[in-house]
Amino acid sequence: MNELEASLVLRAGAELLSSASADPRAEEGYAVVKLNLAASLNLIAEALRNFEAASPDRNRSTGWARDLHRVADDLKER
């Protein structure tokens, strides 16, 4: 699987999560959902850094990656 295919899988998963969250079940599994989202955000941030490492236009997403890590940390703490 290449990065484009992986990004499509990620987008499809986000759409499924959005649909599922429209009908929440009294916080059923909410703590685990937050941990999974936090882990996903950290991995997305790392993917952005990997893309930049091979790009002639480095540092274009550094702030985004930092923000994603910060949101992930907040999700784990609350």
PDB file of N, CA and C in Angstrom:
ATOM      1  N   MET A   1       0.856  -1.162   0.000  1.00  0.00           N
ATOM      2  CA  MET A   1       0.000   0.000   0.000  1.00  0.00           C
ATOM      3  C   MET A   1       0.907   1.231   0.000  1.00  0.00           C
ATOM      4  N   ASN A   2       0.583   2.193  -0.837  1.00  0.00           N
ATOM      5  CA  ASN A   2       1.364   3.427  -0.848  1.00  0.00           C
ATOM      6  C   ASN A   2       0.680   4.498  -0.007  1.00  0.00           C
ATOM      7  N   GLU A   3       1.327   5.662   0.092  1.00  0.00           N
ATOM      8  CA  GLU A   3       0.786   6.709   0.964  1.00  0.00           C
ATOM      9  C   GLU A   3      -0.561   7.242   0.499  1.00  0.00           C
ATOM     10  N   LEU A   4      -0.793   7.276  -0.805  1.00  0.00           N
ATOM     11  CA  LEU A   4      -2.099   7.734  -1.296  1.00  0.00           C
ATOM     12  C   LEU A   4      -3.197   6.759  -0.881  1.00  0.00           C
ATOM     13  N   GLU A   5      -2.941   5.469  -1.082  1.00  0.00           N
ATOM     14  CA  GLU A   5      -3.932   4.460  -0.672  1.00  0.00           C
ATOM     15  C   GLU A   5      -4.163   4.513   0.837  1.00  0.00           C
ATOM     16  N   ALA A   6      -3.096   4.657   1.603  1.00  0.00           N
ATOM     17  CA  ALA A   6      -3.231   4.730   3.059  1.00  0.00           C
ATOM     18  C   ALA A   6      -4.043   5.950   3.472  1.00  0.00           C
ATOM     19  N   SER A   7      -3.834   7.073   2.779  1.00  0.00           N
ATOM     20  CA  SER A   7      -4.594   8.272   3.127  1.00  0.00           C
ATOM     21  C   SER A   7      -6.071   8.106   2.812  1.00  0.00           C
ATOM     22  N   LEU A   8      -6.396   7.340   1.767  1.00  0.00           N
ATOM     23  CA  LEU A   8      -7.803   7.067   1.445  1.00  0.00           C
ATOM     24  C   LEU A   8      -8.456   6.186   2.507  1.00  0.00           C
ATOM     25  N   VAL A   9      -7.696   5.216   3.016  1.00  0.00           N
ATOM     26  CA  VAL A   9      -8.195   4.364   4.096  1.00  0.00           C
ATOM     27  C   VAL A   9      -8.444   5.212   5.345  1.00  0.00           C
ATOM     28  N   LEU A  10      -7.515   6.104   5.636  1.00  0.00           N
ATOM     29  CA  LEU A  10      -7.657   6.992   6.787  1.00  0.00           C
ATOM     30  C   LEU A  10      -8.901   7.864   6.644  1.00  0.00           C
ATOM     31  N   ARG A  11      -9.105   8.414   5.468  1.00  0.00           N
ATOM     32  CA  ARG A  11     -10.280   9.257   5.239  1.00  0.00           C
ATOM     33  C   ARG A  11     -11.571   8.448   5.383  1.00  0.00           C
ATOM     34  N   ALA A  12     -11.602   7.245   4.834  1.00  0.00           N
ATOM     35  CA  ALA A  12     -12.789   6.400   4.952  1.00  0.00           C
ATOM     36  C   ALA A  12     -13.063   6.074   6.420  1.00  0.00           C
ATOM     37  N   GLY A  13     -12.008   5.789   7.185  1.00  0.00           N
ATOM     38  CA  GLY A  13     -12.180   5.510   8.609  1.00  0.00           C
ATOM     39  C   GLY A  13     -12.727   6.715   9.356  1.00  0.00           C
ATOM     40  N   ALA A  14     -12.239   7.896   9.008  1.00  0.00           N
ATOM     41  CA  ALA A  14     -12.732   9.117   9.651  1.00  0.00           C
ATOM     42  C   ALA A  14     -14.206   9.344   9.322  1.00  0.00           C
ATOM     43  N   GLU A  15     -14.602   9.057   8.091  1.00  0.00           N
ATOM     44  CA  GLU A  15     -16.010   9.197   7.707  1.00  0.00           C
ATOM     45  C   GLU A  15     -16.886   8.204   8.465  1.00  0.00           C
ATOM     46  N   LEU A  16     -16.408   6.973   8.637  1.00  0.00           N
ATOM     47  CA  LEU A  16     -17.157   5.978   9.404  1.00  0.00           C
ATOM     48  C   LEU A  16     -17.282   6.399  10.867  1.00  0.00           C
ATOM     49  N   LEU A  17     -16.193   6.907  11.434  1.00  0.00           N
ATOM     50  CA  LEU A  17     -16.221   7.368  12.812  1.00  0.00           C
ATOM     51  C   LEU A  17     -17.192   8.524  12.978  1.00  0.00           C
ATOM     52  N   SER A  18     -17.190   9.427  12.026  1.00  0.00           N
ATOM     53  CA  SER A  18     -18.112  10.560  12.080  1.00  0.00           C
ATOM     54  C   SER A  18     -19.559  10.082  12.033  1.00  0.00           C
ATOM     55  N   SER A  19     -19.851   9.138  11.167  1.00  0.00           N
ATOM     56  CA  SER A  19     -21.212   8.578  11.082  1.00  0.00           C
ATOM     57  C   SER A  19     -21.598   7.879  12.377  1.00  0.00           C
ATOM     58  N   ALA A  20     -20.687   7.096  12.922  1.00  0.00           N
ATOM     59  CA  ALA A  20     -20.974   6.357  14.153  1.00  0.00           C
ATOM     60  C   ALA A  20     -21.198   7.310  15.316  1.00  0.00           C
ATOM     61  N   SER A  21     -20.459   8.408  15.348  1.00  0.00           N
ATOM     62  CA  SER A  21     -20.584   9.341  16.468  1.00  0.00           C
ATOM     63  C   SER A  21     -21.872  10.146  16.413  1.00  0.00           C
ATOM     64  N   ALA A  22     -22.557  10.115  15.286  1.00  0.00           N
ATOM     65  CA  ALA A  22     -23.842  10.819  15.175  1.00  0.00           C
ATOM     66  C   ALA A  22     -24.915  10.129  16.016  1.00  0.00           C
ATOM     67  N   ASP A  23     -24.651   8.874  16.388  1.00  0.00           N
ATOM     68  CA  ASP A  23     -25.587   8.110  17.213  1.00  0.00           C
ATOM     69  C   ASP A  23     -24.816   7.483  18.377  1.00  0.00           C
ATOM     70  N   PRO A  24     -24.265   8.333  19.268  1.00  0.00           N
ATOM     71  CA  PRO A  24     -23.452   7.795  20.358  1.00  0.00           C
ATOM     72  C   PRO A  24     -24.270   6.961  21.337  1.00  0.00           C
ATOM     73  N   ARG A  25     -23.615   6.022  21.944  1.00  0.00           N
ATOM     74  CA  ARG A  25     -24.255   5.109  22.881  1.00  0.00           C
ATOM     75  C   ARG A  25     -23.797   5.403  24.303  1.00  0.00           C
ATOM     76  N   ALA A  26     -24.293   6.446  24.923  1.00  0.00           N
ATOM     77  CA  ALA A  26     -24.037   6.766  26.331  1.00  0.00           C
ATOM     78  C   ALA A  26     -22.583   6.526  26.738  1.00  0.00           C
ATOM     79  N   GLU A  27     -21.679   7.091  25.987  1.00  0.00           N
ATOM     80  CA  GLU A  27     -20.244   7.005  26.271  1.00  0.00           C
ATOM     81  C   GLU A  27     -19.704   5.578  26.240  1.00  0.00           C
ATOM     82  N   GLU A  28     -20.360   4.700  25.538  1.00  0.00           N
ATOM     83  CA  GLU A  28     -19.889   3.317  25.401  1.00  0.00           C
ATOM     84  C   GLU A  28     -18.523   3.300  24.729  1.00  0.00           C
ATOM     85  N   GLY A  29     -17.499   2.951  25.479  1.00  0.00           N
ATOM     86  CA  GLY A  29     -16.153   2.854  24.928  1.00  0.00           C
ATOM     87  C   GLY A  29     -15.490   4.184  24.655  1.00  0.00           C
ATOM     88  N   TYR A  30     -16.038   5.280  25.191  1.00  0.00           N
ATOM     89  CA  TYR A  30     -15.524   6.609  24.876  1.00  0.00           C
ATOM     90  C   TYR A  30     -14.051   6.771  25.255  1.00  0.00           C
ATOM     91  N   ALA A  31     -13.656   6.245  26.397  1.00  0.00           N
ATOM     92  CA  ALA A  31     -12.255   6.365  26.822  1.00  0.00           C
ATOM     93  C   ALA A  31     -11.323   5.693  25.809  1.00  0.00           C
ATOM     94  N   VAL A  32     -11.711   4.544  25.320  1.00  0.00           N
ATOM     95  CA  VAL A  32     -10.886   3.830  24.341  1.00  0.00           C
ATOM     96  C   VAL A  32     -10.895   4.560  23.005  1.00  0.00           C
ATOM     97  N   VAL A  33     -12.036   5.121  22.639  1.00  0.00           N
ATOM     98  CA  VAL A  33     -12.115   5.900  21.398  1.00  0.00           C
ATOM     99  C   VAL A  33     -11.130   7.065  21.462  1.00  0.00           C
ATOM    100  N   LYS A  34     -11.093   7.775  22.602  1.00  0.00           N
ATOM    101  CA  LYS A  34     -10.169   8.897  22.748  1.00  0.00           C
ATOM    102  C   LYS A  34      -8.719   8.442  22.638  1.00  0.00           C
ATOM    103  N   LEU A  35      -8.383   7.310  23.238  1.00  0.00           N
ATOM    104  CA  LEU A  35      -7.012   6.799  23.140  1.00  0.00           C
ATOM    105  C   LEU A  35      -6.664   6.423  21.703  1.00  0.00           C
ATOM    106  N   ASN A  36      -7.610   5.803  21.000  1.00  0.00           N
ATOM    107  CA  ASN A  36      -7.375   5.440  19.599  1.00  0.00           C
ATOM    108  C   ASN A  36      -7.197   6.682  18.729  1.00  0.00           C
ATOM    109  N   LEU A  37      -8.011   7.706  18.977  1.00  0.00           N
ATOM    110  CA  LEU A  37      -7.874   8.950  18.222  1.00  0.00           C
ATOM    111  C   LEU A  37      -6.534   9.616  18.515  1.00  0.00           C
ATOM    112  N   ALA A  38      -6.125   9.610  19.777  1.00  0.00           N
ATOM    113  CA  ALA A  38      -4.839  10.196  20.140  1.00  0.00           C
ATOM    114  C   ALA A  38      -3.697   9.476  19.429  1.00  0.00           C
ATOM    115  N   ALA A  39      -3.727   8.160  19.415  1.00  0.00           N
ATOM    116  CA  ALA A  39      -2.684   7.387  18.735  1.00  0.00           C
ATOM    117  C   ALA A  39      -2.690   7.682  17.235  1.00  0.00           C
ATOM    118  N   SER A  40      -3.874   7.808  16.670  1.00  0.00           N
ATOM    119  CA  SER A  40      -3.988   8.110  15.241  1.00  0.00           C
ATOM    120  C   SER A  40      -3.420   9.483  14.922  1.00  0.00           C
ATOM    121  N   LEU A  41      -3.730  10.477  15.741  1.00  0.00           N
ATOM    122  CA  LEU A  41      -3.207  11.821  15.513  1.00  0.00           C
ATOM    123  C   LEU A  41      -1.692  11.855  15.601  1.00  0.00           C
ATOM    124  N   ASN A  42      -1.125  11.113  16.547  1.00  0.00           N
ATOM    125  CA  ASN A  42       0.338  11.043  16.644  1.00  0.00           C
ATOM    126  C   ASN A  42       0.946  10.408  15.403  1.00  0.00           C
ATOM    127  N   LEU A  43       0.309   9.370  14.883  1.00  0.00           N
ATOM    128  CA  LEU A  43       0.814   8.723  13.672  1.00  0.00           C
ATOM    129  C   LEU A  43       0.679   9.631  12.443  1.00  0.00           C
ATOM    130  N   ILE A  44      -0.401  10.388  12.376  1.00  0.00           N
ATOM    131  CA  ILE A  44      -0.582  11.335  11.271  1.00  0.00           C
ATOM    132  C   ILE A  44       0.504  12.412  11.336  1.00  0.00           C
ATOM    133  N   ALA A  45       0.801  12.883  12.531  1.00  0.00           N
ATOM    134  CA  ALA A  45       1.856  13.881  12.694  1.00  0.00           C
ATOM    135  C   ALA A  45       3.199  13.333  12.222  1.00  0.00           C
ATOM    136  N   GLU A  46       3.478  12.090  12.559  1.00  0.00           N
ATOM    137  CA  GLU A  46       4.729  11.480  12.112  1.00  0.00           C
ATOM    138  C   GLU A  46       4.752  11.304  10.594  1.00  0.00           C
ATOM    139  N   ALA A  47       3.605  10.971  10.015  1.00  0.00           N
ATOM    140  CA  ALA A  47       3.536  10.848   8.557  1.00  0.00           C
ATOM    141  C   ALA A  47       3.834  12.194   7.893  1.00  0.00           C
ATOM    142  N   LEU A  48       3.307  13.276   8.454  1.00  0.00           N
ATOM    143  CA  LEU A  48       3.606  14.605   7.911  1.00  0.00           C
ATOM    144  C   LEU A  48       5.108  14.885   7.966  1.00  0.00           C
ATOM    145  N   ARG A  49       5.724  14.534   9.074  1.00  0.00           N
ATOM    146  CA  ARG A  49       7.176  14.748   9.187  1.00  0.00           C
ATOM    147  C   ARG A  49       7.939  13.904   8.173  1.00  0.00           C
ATOM    148  N   ASN A  50       7.491  12.672   7.954  1.00  0.00           N
ATOM    149  CA  ASN A  50       8.145  11.812   6.969  1.00  0.00           C
ATOM    150  C   ASN A  50       8.024  12.384   5.564  1.00  0.00           C
ATOM    151  N   PHE A  51       6.848  12.897   5.231  1.00  0.00           N
ATOM    152  CA  PHE A  51       6.666  13.502   3.910  1.00  0.00           C
ATOM    153  C   PHE A  51       7.603  14.693   3.746  1.00  0.00           C
ATOM    154  N   GLU A  52       7.730  15.496   4.781  1.00  0.00           N
ATOM    155  CA  GLU A  52       8.588  16.670   4.706  1.00  0.00           C
ATOM    156  C   GLU A  52      10.052  16.307   4.578  1.00  0.00           C
ATOM    157  N   ALA A  53      10.447  15.208   5.186  1.00  0.00           N
ATOM    158  CA  ALA A  53      11.849  14.804   5.121  1.00  0.00           C
ATOM    159  C   ALA A  53      12.300  14.579   3.682  1.00  0.00           C
ATOM    160  N   ALA A  54      11.382  14.185   2.827  1.00  0.00           N
ATOM    161  CA  ALA A  54      11.705  13.918   1.428  1.00  0.00           C
ATOM    162  C   ALA A  54      11.345  15.091   0.515  1.00  0.00           C
ATOM    163  N   SER A  55      10.902  16.180   1.092  1.00  0.00           N
ATOM    164  CA  SER A  55      10.428  17.317   0.310  1.00  0.00           C
ATOM    165  C   SER A  55      11.470  18.430   0.260  1.00  0.00           C
ATOM    166  N   PRO A  56      11.558  19.096  -0.881  1.00  0.00           N
ATOM    167  CA  PRO A  56      12.459  20.249  -0.943  1.00  0.00           C
ATOM    168  C   PRO A  56      11.912  21.447  -0.152  1.00  0.00           C
ATOM    169  N   ASP A  57      10.619  21.426   0.151  1.00  0.00           N
ATOM    170  CA  ASP A  57       9.965  22.514   0.891  1.00  0.00           C
ATOM    171  C   ASP A  57       9.717  22.067   2.324  1.00  0.00           C
ATOM    172  N   ARG A  58      10.783  21.920   3.074  1.00  0.00           N
ATOM    173  CA  ARG A  58      10.674  21.431   4.459  1.00  0.00           C
ATOM    174  C   ARG A  58      10.058  22.470   5.379  1.00  0.00           C
ATOM    175  N   ASN A  59       9.574  21.975   6.497  1.00  0.00           N
ATOM    176  CA  ASN A  59       8.974  22.812   7.545  1.00  0.00           C
ATOM    177  C   ASN A  59       7.625  23.409   7.172  1.00  0.00           C
ATOM    178  N   ARG A  60       7.014  22.959   6.120  1.00  0.00           N
ATOM    179  CA  ARG A  60       5.708  23.518   5.757  1.00  0.00           C
ATOM    180  C   ARG A  60       4.610  22.999   6.675  1.00  0.00           C
ATOM    181  N   SER A  61       4.791  21.836   7.296  1.00  0.00           N
ATOM    182  CA  SER A  61       3.766  21.258   8.169  1.00  0.00           C
ATOM    183  C   SER A  61       4.220  21.094   9.603  1.00  0.00           C
ATOM    184  N   THR A  62       5.338  21.667   9.954  1.00  0.00           N
ATOM    185  CA  THR A  62       5.866  21.483  11.302  1.00  0.00           C
ATOM    186  C   THR A  62       4.861  21.931  12.350  1.00  0.00           C
ATOM    187  N   GLY A  63       4.232  23.071  12.128  1.00  0.00           N
ATOM    188  CA  GLY A  63       3.232  23.569  13.075  1.00  0.00           C
ATOM    189  C   GLY A  63       2.041  22.643  13.172  1.00  0.00           C
ATOM    190  N   TRP A  64       1.629  22.092  12.045  1.00  0.00           N
ATOM    191  CA  TRP A  64       0.493  21.156  12.051  1.00  0.00           C
ATOM    192  C   TRP A  64       0.843  19.922  12.865  1.00  0.00           C
ATOM    193  N   ALA A  65       2.026  19.389  12.640  1.00  0.00           N
ATOM    194  CA  ALA A  65       2.444  18.185  13.364  1.00  0.00           C
ATOM    195  C   ALA A  65       2.481  18.468  14.866  1.00  0.00           C
ATOM    196  N   ARG A  66       3.016  19.612  15.248  1.00  0.00           N
ATOM    197  CA  ARG A  66       3.071  19.990  16.663  1.00  0.00           C
ATOM    198  C   ARG A  66       1.659  20.102  17.244  1.00  0.00           C
ATOM    199  N   ASP A  67       0.747  20.722  16.476  1.00  0.00           N
ATOM    200  CA  ASP A  67      -0.639  20.855  16.934  1.00  0.00           C
ATOM    201  C   ASP A  67      -1.318  19.497  17.078  1.00  0.00           C
ATOM    202  N   LEU A  68      -1.062  18.595  16.136  1.00  0.00           N
ATOM    203  CA  LEU A  68      -1.653  17.255  16.216  1.00  0.00           C
ATOM    204  C   LEU A  68      -1.170  16.529  17.466  1.00  0.00           C
ATOM    205  N   HIS A  69       0.123  16.631  17.759  1.00  0.00           N
ATOM    206  CA  HIS A  69       0.656  16.000  18.980  1.00  0.00           C
ATOM    207  C   HIS A  69       0.010  16.615  20.227  1.00  0.00           C
ATOM    208  N   ARG A  70      -0.181  17.929  20.218  1.00  0.00           N
ATOM    209  CA  ARG A  70      -0.780  18.603  21.374  1.00  0.00           C
ATOM    210  C   ARG A  70      -2.226  18.157  21.585  1.00  0.00           C
ATOM    211  N   VAL A  71      -2.991  18.041  20.504  1.00  0.00           N
ATOM    212  CA  VAL A  71      -4.379  17.570  20.616  1.00  0.00           C
ATOM    213  C   VAL A  71      -4.395  16.128  21.107  1.00  0.00           C
ATOM    214  N   ALA A  72      -3.488  15.307  20.589  1.00  0.00           N
ATOM    215  CA  ALA A  72      -3.409  13.909  21.029  1.00  0.00           C
ATOM    216  C   ALA A  72      -3.125  13.834  22.522  1.00  0.00           C
ATOM    217  N   ASP A  73      -2.202  14.666  22.990  1.00  0.00           N
ATOM    218  CA  ASP A  73      -1.895  14.679  24.425  1.00  0.00           C
ATOM    219  C   ASP A  73      -3.113  15.097  25.247  1.00  0.00           C
ATOM    220  N   ASP A  74      -3.841  16.103  24.768  1.00  0.00           N
ATOM    221  CA  ASP A  74      -5.053  16.541  25.473  1.00  0.00           C
ATOM    222  C   ASP A  74      -6.098  15.435  25.538  1.00  0.00           C
ATOM    223  N   LEU A  75      -6.246  14.693  24.450  1.00  0.00           N
ATOM    224  CA  LEU A  75      -7.225  13.596  24.442  1.00  0.00           C
ATOM    225  C   LEU A  75      -6.868  12.529  25.467  1.00  0.00           C
ATOM    226  N   LYS A  76      -5.585  12.246  25.615  1.00  0.00           N
ATOM    227  CA  LYS A  76      -5.149  11.209  26.557  1.00  0.00           C
ATOM    228  C   LYS A  76      -5.321  11.658  28.002  1.00  0.00           C
ATOM    229  N   GLU A  77      -5.222  12.956  28.245  1.00  0.00           N
ATOM    230  CA  GLU A  77      -5.277  13.474  29.615  1.00  0.00           C
ATOM    231  C   GLU A  77      -6.705  13.606  30.144  1.00  0.00           C
ATOM    232  N   ARG A  78      -7.659  13.791  29.291  1.00  0.00           N
ATOM    233  CA  ARG A  78      -9.019  14.093  29.753  1.00  0.00           C
ATOM    234  C   ARG A  78      -9.890  12.894  29.794  1.00  0.00           C
TER     235      ARG A  78
END
